[in-house]
PDB file of N, CA and C in Angstrom:
ATOM      1  N   PRO A   1      -1.369  -8.195  10.603  1.00  0.00           N
ATOM      2  CA  PRO A   1      -1.724  -8.729  11.913  1.00  0.00           C
ATOM      3  C   PRO A   1      -0.523  -9.367  12.612  1.00  0.00           C
ATOM      4  N   LYS A   2      -0.443  -9.220  13.899  1.00  0.00           N
ATOM      5  CA  LYS A   2       0.673  -9.775  14.662  1.00  0.00           C
ATOM      6  C   LYS A   2       0.698 -11.296  14.612  1.00  0.00           C
ATOM      7  N   SER A   3      -0.425 -11.910  14.296  1.00  0.00           N
ATOM      8  CA  SER A   3      -0.505 -13.373  14.259  1.00  0.00           C
ATOM      9  C   SER A   3       0.077 -13.971  12.979  1.00  0.00           C
ATOM     10  N   LEU A   4       0.442 -13.142  12.006  1.00  0.00           N
ATOM     11  CA  LEU A   4       0.991 -13.667  10.746  1.00  0.00           C
ATOM     12  C   LEU A   4       2.357 -14.283  10.954  1.00  0.00           C
ATOM     13  N   PRO A   5       2.700 -15.262  10.115  1.00  0.00           N
ATOM     14  CA  PRO A   5       4.064 -15.789  10.160  1.00  0.00           C
ATOM     15  C   PRO A   5       5.052 -14.673   9.832  1.00  0.00           C
ATOM     16  N   LYS A   6       6.321 -14.889  10.116  1.00  0.00           N
ATOM     17  CA  LYS A   6       7.345 -13.865   9.891  1.00  0.00           C
ATOM     18  C   LYS A   6       7.776 -13.751   8.430  1.00  0.00           C
ATOM     19  N   LYS A   7       7.318 -14.677   7.562  1.00  0.00           N
ATOM     20  CA  LYS A   7       7.719 -14.607   6.156  1.00  0.00           C
ATOM     21  C   LYS A   7       6.662 -15.251   5.260  1.00  0.00           C
ATOM     22  N   ASN A   8       6.806 -14.994   3.951  1.00  0.00           N
ATOM     23  CA  ASN A   8       5.960 -15.582   2.901  1.00  0.00           C
ATOM     24  C   ASN A   8       4.479 -15.219   2.982  1.00  0.00           C
ATOM     25  N   ASN A   9       4.187 -14.019   3.478  1.00  0.00           N
ATOM     26  CA  ASN A   9       2.800 -13.558   3.531  1.00  0.00           C
ATOM     27  C   ASN A   9       2.418 -12.868   2.223  1.00  0.00           C
ATOM     28  N   ALA A  10       1.132 -12.807   1.964  1.00  0.00           N
ATOM     29  CA  ALA A  10       0.629 -12.042   0.827  1.00  0.00           C
ATOM     30  C   ALA A  10       0.731 -10.556   1.155  1.00  0.00           C
ATOM     31  N   ALA A  11       0.941  -9.753   0.114  1.00  0.00           N
ATOM     32  CA  ALA A  11       0.971  -8.303   0.259  1.00  0.00           C
ATOM     33  C   ALA A  11      -0.231  -7.716  -0.462  1.00  0.00           C
ATOM     34  N   TYR A  12      -0.803  -6.677   0.116  1.00  0.00           N
ATOM     35  CA  TYR A  12      -1.922  -5.950  -0.458  1.00  0.00           C
ATOM     36  C   TYR A  12      -1.481  -4.492  -0.517  1.00  0.00           C
ATOM     37  N   ILE A  13      -1.266  -3.971  -1.706  1.00  0.00           N
ATOM     38  CA  ILE A  13      -0.805  -2.595  -1.873  1.00  0.00           C
ATOM     39  C   ILE A  13      -2.005  -1.769  -2.310  1.00  0.00           C
ATOM     40  N   TYR A  14      -2.383  -0.815  -1.461  1.00  0.00           N
ATOM     41  CA  TYR A  14      -3.643  -0.090  -1.629  1.00  0.00           C
ATOM     42  C   TYR A  14      -3.420   1.363  -2.029  1.00  0.00           C
ATOM     43  N   ALA A  15      -4.208   1.828  -2.991  1.00  0.00           N
ATOM     44  CA  ALA A  15      -4.253   3.237  -3.380  1.00  0.00           C
ATOM     45  C   ALA A  15      -5.613   3.784  -2.984  1.00  0.00           C
ATOM     46  N   HIS A  16      -5.634   4.776  -2.110  1.00  0.00           N
ATOM     47  CA  HIS A  16      -6.899   5.355  -1.667  1.00  0.00           C
ATOM     48  C   HIS A  16      -7.644   5.995  -2.839  1.00  0.00           C
ATOM     49  N   GLY A  17      -8.916   6.165  -2.671  1.00  0.00           N
ATOM     50  CA  GLY A  17      -9.741   6.781  -3.695  1.00  0.00           C
ATOM     51  C   GLY A  17      -9.570   8.288  -3.728  1.00  0.00           C
ATOM     52  N   GLY A  18     -10.452   8.948  -4.408  1.00  0.00           N
ATOM     53  CA  GLY A  18     -10.406  10.392  -4.487  1.00  0.00           C
ATOM     54  C   GLY A  18     -10.015  10.902  -5.855  1.00  0.00           C
ATOM     55  N   GLY A  19      -9.997  10.018  -6.837  1.00  0.00           N
ATOM     56  CA  GLY A  19      -9.716  10.434  -8.204  1.00  0.00           C
ATOM     57  C   GLY A  19      -8.349  11.051  -8.384  1.00  0.00           C
ATOM     58  N   ALA A  20      -7.416  10.720  -7.513  1.00  0.00           N
ATOM     59  CA  ALA A  20      -6.035  11.227  -7.551  1.00  0.00           C
ATOM     60  C   ALA A  20      -5.963  12.734  -7.327  1.00  0.00           C
ATOM     61  N   VAL A  21      -7.041  13.323  -6.784  1.00  0.00           N
ATOM     62  CA  VAL A  21      -7.027  14.761  -6.519  1.00  0.00           C
ATOM     63  C   VAL A  21      -7.459  15.125  -5.091  1.00  0.00           C
ATOM     64  N   MET A  22      -7.931  14.161  -4.315  1.00  0.00           N
ATOM     65  CA  MET A  22      -8.312  14.466  -2.936  1.00  0.00           C
ATOM     66  C   MET A  22      -8.149  13.240  -2.046  1.00  0.00           C
ATOM     67  N   PHE A  23      -8.246  13.481  -0.751  1.00  0.00           N
ATOM     68  CA  PHE A  23      -8.071  12.479   0.304  1.00  0.00           C
ATOM     69  C   PHE A  23      -6.597  12.112   0.449  1.00  0.00           C
ATOM     70  N   ASP A  24      -6.326  11.244   1.390  1.00  0.00           N
ATOM     71  CA  ASP A  24      -4.972  10.760   1.607  1.00  0.00           C
ATOM     72  C   ASP A  24      -5.042   9.377   2.234  1.00  0.00           C
ATOM     73  N   ALA A  25      -3.901   8.759   2.412  1.00  0.00           N
ATOM     74  CA  ALA A  25      -3.864   7.393   2.928  1.00  0.00           C
ATOM     75  C   ALA A  25      -4.441   7.306   4.341  1.00  0.00           C
ATOM     76  N   ALA A  26      -4.249   8.339   5.144  1.00  0.00           N
ATOM     77  CA  ALA A  26      -4.693   8.305   6.541  1.00  0.00           C
ATOM     78  C   ALA A  26      -6.191   8.075   6.669  1.00  0.00           C
ATOM     79  N   ILE A  27      -6.957   8.551   5.711  1.00  0.00           N
ATOM     80  CA  ILE A  27      -8.410   8.387   5.760  1.00  0.00           C
ATOM     81  C   ILE A  27      -8.815   6.914   5.691  1.00  0.00           C
ATOM     82  N   GLU A  28      -7.925   6.086   5.177  1.00  0.00           N
ATOM     83  CA  GLU A  28      -8.223   4.653   5.005  1.00  0.00           C
ATOM     84  C   GLU A  28      -7.538   3.763   6.049  1.00  0.00           C
ATOM     85  N   ASN A  29      -6.832   4.338   7.008  1.00  0.00           N
ATOM     86  CA  ASN A  29      -6.079   3.517   7.960  1.00  0.00           C
ATOM     87  C   ASN A  29      -6.934   2.484   8.682  1.00  0.00           C
ATOM     88  N   ASP A  30      -8.074   2.893   9.210  1.00  0.00           N
ATOM     89  CA  ASP A  30      -8.926   1.937   9.934  1.00  0.00           C
ATOM     90  C   ASP A  30      -9.411   0.819   9.013  1.00  0.00           C
ATOM     91  N   GLY A  31      -9.835   1.190   7.818  1.00  0.00           N
ATOM     92  CA  GLY A  31     -10.289   0.188   6.863  1.00  0.00           C
ATOM     93  C   GLY A  31      -9.184  -0.769   6.452  1.00  0.00           C
ATOM     94  N   MET A  32      -7.977  -0.260   6.339  1.00  0.00           N
ATOM     95  CA  MET A  32      -6.858  -1.123   5.953  1.00  0.00           C
ATOM     96  C   MET A  32      -6.470  -2.071   7.081  1.00  0.00           C
ATOM     97  N   MET A  33      -6.668  -1.649   8.332  1.00  0.00           N
ATOM     98  CA  MET A  33      -6.424  -2.565   9.450  1.00  0.00           C
ATOM     99  C   MET A  33      -7.425  -3.719   9.413  1.00  0.00           C
ATOM    100  N   VAL A  34      -8.667  -3.397   9.127  1.00  0.00           N
ATOM    101  CA  VAL A  34      -9.699  -4.436   9.011  1.00  0.00           C
ATOM    102  C   VAL A  34      -9.377  -5.357   7.833  1.00  0.00           C
ATOM    103  N   THR A  35      -8.945  -4.776   6.717  1.00  0.00           N
ATOM    104  CA  THR A  35      -8.575  -5.575   5.543  1.00  0.00           C
ATOM    105  C   THR A  35      -7.446  -6.532   5.886  1.00  0.00           C
ATOM    106  N   ALA A  36      -6.425  -6.044   6.576  1.00  0.00           N
ATOM    107  CA  ALA A  36      -5.292  -6.899   6.960  1.00  0.00           C
ATOM    108  C   ALA A  36      -5.766  -8.063   7.818  1.00  0.00           C
ATOM    109  N   LEU A  37      -6.637  -7.792   8.754  1.00  0.00           N
ATOM    110  CA  LEU A  37      -7.144  -8.858   9.619  1.00  0.00           C
ATOM    111  C   LEU A  37      -8.014  -9.840   8.848  1.00  0.00           C
ATOM    112  N   ASN A  38      -8.912  -9.324   8.011  1.00  0.00           N
ATOM    113  CA  ASN A  38      -9.820 -10.199   7.259  1.00  0.00           C
ATOM    114  C   ASN A  38      -9.089 -11.050   6.233  1.00  0.00           C
ATOM    115  N   LEU A  39      -8.111 -10.460   5.556  1.00  0.00           N
ATOM    116  CA  LEU A  39      -7.386 -11.190   4.507  1.00  0.00           C
ATOM    117  C   LEU A  39      -6.144 -11.904   5.030  1.00  0.00           C
ATOM    118  N   GLN A  40      -5.769 -11.615   6.277  1.00  0.00           N
ATOM    119  CA  GLN A  40      -4.565 -12.186   6.873  1.00  0.00           C
ATOM    120  C   GLN A  40      -3.354 -11.946   5.958  1.00  0.00           C
ATOM    121  N   CYS A  41      -3.118 -10.672   5.686  1.00  0.00           N
ATOM    122  CA  CYS A  41      -2.009 -10.286   4.819  1.00  0.00           C
ATOM    123  C   CYS A  41      -1.374  -9.000   5.335  1.00  0.00           C
ATOM    124  N   VAL A  42      -0.261  -8.633   4.722  1.00  0.00           N
ATOM    125  CA  VAL A  42       0.417  -7.383   5.052  1.00  0.00           C
ATOM    126  C   VAL A  42      -0.115  -6.311   4.107  1.00  0.00           C
ATOM    127  N   VAL A  43      -0.622  -5.221   4.662  1.00  0.00           N
ATOM    128  CA  VAL A  43      -1.214  -4.155   3.865  1.00  0.00           C
ATOM    129  C   VAL A  43      -0.268  -2.955   3.814  1.00  0.00           C
ATOM    130  N   PHE A  44      -0.114  -2.418   2.616  1.00  0.00           N
ATOM    131  CA  PHE A  44       0.657  -1.202   2.390  1.00  0.00           C
ATOM    132  C   PHE A  44      -0.322  -0.159   1.874  1.00  0.00           C
ATOM    133  N   ASN A  45      -0.539   0.886   2.654  1.00  0.00           N
ATOM    134  CA  ASN A  45      -1.487   1.947   2.346  1.00  0.00           C
ATOM    135  C   ASN A  45      -0.682   3.138   1.814  1.00  0.00           C
ATOM    136  N   VAL A  46      -0.655   3.312   0.506  1.00  0.00           N
ATOM    137  CA  VAL A  46       0.245   4.274  -0.133  1.00  0.00           C
ATOM    138  C   VAL A  46      -0.365   5.678  -0.165  1.00  0.00           C
ATOM    139  N   ASP A  47       0.421   6.655   0.274  1.00  0.00           N
ATOM    140  CA  ASP A  47       0.025   8.059   0.239  1.00  0.00           C
ATOM    141  C   ASP A  47       0.717   8.714  -0.952  1.00  0.00           C
ATOM    142  N   TYR A  48       0.088   8.608  -2.110  1.00  0.00           N
ATOM    143  CA  TYR A  48       0.676   9.127  -3.343  1.00  0.00           C
ATOM    144  C   TYR A  48       0.399  10.620  -3.503  1.00  0.00           C
ATOM    145  N   ARG A  49       1.184  11.266  -4.365  1.00  0.00           N
ATOM    146  CA  ARG A  49       0.993  12.699  -4.621  1.00  0.00           C
ATOM    147  C   ARG A  49      -0.309  12.937  -5.385  1.00  0.00           C
ATOM    148  N   LEU A  50      -0.942  14.068  -5.068  1.00  0.00           N
ATOM    149  CA  LEU A  50      -2.245  14.397  -5.642  1.00  0.00           C
ATOM    150  C   LEU A  50      -2.158  15.556  -6.630  1.00  0.00           C
ATOM    151  N   GLY A  51      -3.078  15.521  -7.600  1.00  0.00           N
ATOM    152  CA  GLY A  51      -3.241  16.645  -8.510  1.00  0.00           C
ATOM    153  C   GLY A  51      -4.191  17.649  -7.894  1.00  0.00           C
ATOM    154  N   PRO A  52      -4.235  18.831  -8.384  1.00  0.00           N
ATOM    155  CA  PRO A  52      -3.534  19.295  -9.571  1.00  0.00           C
ATOM    156  C   PRO A  52      -2.093  19.729  -9.308  1.00  0.00           C
ATOM    157  N   GLU A  53      -1.689  19.788  -8.027  1.00  0.00           N
ATOM    158  CA  GLU A  53      -0.317  20.212  -7.732  1.00  0.00           C
ATOM    159  C   GLU A  53       0.700  19.263  -8.365  1.00  0.00           C
ATOM    160  N   ALA A  54       0.487  17.979  -8.216  1.00  0.00           N
ATOM    161  CA  ALA A  54       1.364  16.982  -8.837  1.00  0.00           C
ATOM    162  C   ALA A  54       0.724  16.574 -10.162  1.00  0.00           C
ATOM    163  N   LYS A  55       1.329  16.966 -11.219  1.00  0.00           N
ATOM    164  CA  LYS A  55       0.789  16.668 -12.550  1.00  0.00           C
ATOM    165  C   LYS A  55       0.925  15.181 -12.858  1.00  0.00           C
ATOM    166  N   ALA A  56      -0.064  14.661 -13.580  1.00  0.00           N
ATOM    167  CA  ALA A  56      -0.006  13.258 -14.006  1.00  0.00           C
ATOM    168  C   ALA A  56       1.244  13.062 -14.854  1.00  0.00           C
ATOM    169  N   PRO A  57       1.901  11.953 -14.713  1.00  0.00           N
ATOM    170  CA  PRO A  57       1.552  10.734 -13.976  1.00  0.00           C
ATOM    171  C   PRO A  57       2.263  10.603 -12.636  1.00  0.00           C
ATOM    172  N   LYS A  58       2.547  11.688 -11.933  1.00  0.00           N
ATOM    173  CA  LYS A  58       3.336  11.600 -10.696  1.00  0.00           C
ATOM    174  C   LYS A  58       2.707  10.693  -9.650  1.00  0.00           C
ATOM    175  N   GLY A  59       1.393  10.774  -9.444  1.00  0.00           N
ATOM    176  CA  GLY A  59       0.735   9.895  -8.481  1.00  0.00           C
ATOM    177  C   GLY A  59       0.850   8.430  -8.878  1.00  0.00           C
ATOM    178  N   GLN A  60       0.689   8.163 -10.165  1.00  0.00           N
ATOM    179  CA  GLN A  60       0.821   6.795 -10.662  1.00  0.00           C
ATOM    180  C   GLN A  60       2.263   6.314 -10.508  1.00  0.00           C
ATOM    181  N   CYS A  61       3.209   7.218 -10.722  1.00  0.00           N
ATOM    182  CA  CYS A  61       4.629   6.861 -10.532  1.00  0.00           C
ATOM    183  C   CYS A  61       4.903   6.529  -9.067  1.00  0.00           C
ATOM    184  N   ASP A  62       4.246   7.247  -8.151  1.00  0.00           N
ATOM    185  CA  ASP A  62       4.392   6.944  -6.724  1.00  0.00           C
ATOM    186  C   ASP A  62       3.893   5.537  -6.412  1.00  0.00           C
ATOM    187  N   MET A  63       2.768   5.160  -7.020  1.00  0.00           N
ATOM    188  CA  MET A  63       2.245   3.811  -6.804  1.00  0.00           C
ATOM    189  C   MET A  63       3.192   2.761  -7.365  1.00  0.00           C
ATOM    190  N   ALA A  64       3.710   2.994  -8.549  1.00  0.00           N
ATOM    191  CA  ALA A  64       4.668   2.049  -9.145  1.00  0.00           C
ATOM    192  C   ALA A  64       5.910   1.938  -8.276  1.00  0.00           C
ATOM    193  N   ALA A  65       6.370   3.058  -7.737  1.00  0.00           N
ATOM    194  CA  ALA A  65       7.538   3.030  -6.851  1.00  0.00           C
ATOM    195  C   ALA A  65       7.244   2.240  -5.583  1.00  0.00           C
ATOM    196  N   ALA A  66       6.018   2.351  -5.077  1.00  0.00           N
ATOM    197  CA  ALA A  66       5.636   1.592  -3.885  1.00  0.00           C
ATOM    198  C   ALA A  66       5.672   0.093  -4.169  1.00  0.00           C
ATOM    199  N   VAL A  67       5.162  -0.308  -5.327  1.00  0.00           N
ATOM    200  CA  VAL A  67       5.180  -1.734  -5.690  1.00  0.00           C
ATOM    201  C   VAL A  67       6.629  -2.223  -5.804  1.00  0.00           C
ATOM    202  N   ARG A  68       7.483  -1.438  -6.461  1.00  0.00           N
ATOM    203  CA  ARG A  68       8.897  -1.821  -6.577  1.00  0.00           C
ATOM    204  C   ARG A  68       9.554  -1.918  -5.207  1.00  0.00           C
ATOM    205  N   HIS A  69       9.252  -0.964  -4.338  1.00  0.00           N
ATOM    206  CA  HIS A  69       9.842  -0.956  -2.998  1.00  0.00           C
ATOM    207  C   HIS A  69       9.430  -2.195  -2.201  1.00  0.00           C
ATOM    208  N   VAL A  70       8.148  -2.510  -2.229  1.00  0.00           N
ATOM    209  CA  VAL A  70       7.671  -3.690  -1.500  1.00  0.00           C
ATOM    210  C   VAL A  70       8.325  -4.945  -2.066  1.00  0.00           C
ATOM    211  N   SER A  71       8.403  -5.056  -3.376  1.00  0.00           N
ATOM    212  CA  SER A  71       9.029  -6.225  -3.990  1.00  0.00           C
ATOM    213  C   SER A  71      10.504  -6.339  -3.613  1.00  0.00           C
ATOM    214  N   LYS A  72      11.214  -5.228  -3.703  1.00  0.00           N
ATOM    215  CA  LYS A  72      12.653  -5.226  -3.396  1.00  0.00           C
ATOM    216  C   LYS A  72      12.926  -5.532  -1.922  1.00  0.00           C
ATOM    217  N   ASN A  73      12.024  -5.122  -1.043  1.00  0.00           N
ATOM    218  CA  ASN A  73      12.210  -5.279   0.403  1.00  0.00           C
ATOM    219  C   ASN A  73      11.270  -6.315   1.007  1.00  0.00           C
ATOM    220  N   ALA A  74      10.798  -7.226   0.181  1.00  0.00           N
ATOM    221  CA  ALA A  74       9.798  -8.204   0.618  1.00  0.00           C
ATOM    222  C   ALA A  74      10.231  -8.963   1.877  1.00  0.00           C
ATOM    223  N   LEU A  75      11.467  -9.398   1.905  1.00  0.00           N
ATOM    224  CA  LEU A  75      11.948 -10.173   3.053  1.00  0.00           C
ATOM    225  C   LEU A  75      11.844  -9.351   4.337  1.00  0.00           C
ATOM    226  N   ASN A  76      12.180  -8.072   4.260  1.00  0.00           N
ATOM    227  CA  ASN A  76      12.111  -7.202   5.438  1.00  0.00           C
ATOM    228  C   ASN A  76      10.689  -7.025   5.941  1.00  0.00           C
ATOM    229  N   TYR A  77       9.724  -7.088   5.032  1.00  0.00           N
ATOM    230  CA  TYR A  77       8.318  -6.908   5.408  1.00  0.00           C
ATOM    231  C   TYR A  77       7.596  -8.227   5.660  1.00  0.00           C
ATOM    232  N   GLY A  78       8.268  -9.328   5.477  1.00  0.00           N
ATOM    233  CA  GLY A  78       7.643 -10.628   5.713  1.00  0.00           C
ATOM    234  C   GLY A  78       6.685 -11.060   4.637  1.00  0.00           C
ATOM    235  N   VAL A  79       6.863 -10.515   3.424  1.00  0.00           N
ATOM    236  CA  VAL A  79       5.963 -10.897   2.330  1.00  0.00           C
ATOM    237  C   VAL A  79       6.712 -11.720   1.285  1.00  0.00           C
ATOM    238  N   ASP A  80       5.942 -12.514   0.544  1.00  0.00           N
ATOM    239  CA  ASP A  80       6.484 -13.322  -0.540  1.00  0.00           C
ATOM    240  C   ASP A  80       6.788 -12.408  -1.720  1.00  0.00           C
ATOM    241  N   LYS A  81       7.997 -12.442  -2.217  1.00  0.00           N
ATOM    242  CA  LYS A  81       8.403 -11.566  -3.329  1.00  0.00           C
ATOM    243  C   LYS A  81       7.592 -11.823  -4.573  1.00  0.00           C
ATOM    244  N   ASN A  82       7.085 -13.007  -4.744  1.00  0.00           N
ATOM    245  CA  ASN A  82       6.314 -13.333  -5.933  1.00  0.00           C
ATOM    246  C   ASN A  82       4.856 -12.997  -5.760  1.00  0.00           C
TER     247      ASN A  82
END
């Protein structure tokens, strides 16, 4: 939300449903906007690779990479690194 302070906000890193084989992050965009407003936090809606094209654990690795990225770049996103 635009009303959040410029730093030290909570981060919410979201993985869409679909059993890692269907859907994508875009399907959850509206819901994630509502979540950001309700929780007053910065939301990261991750579009991870899906099976069966991407064999396990590639989708899980994408999520782990997203968490590392948010942590490493926390200051740029206005979130608390911890």
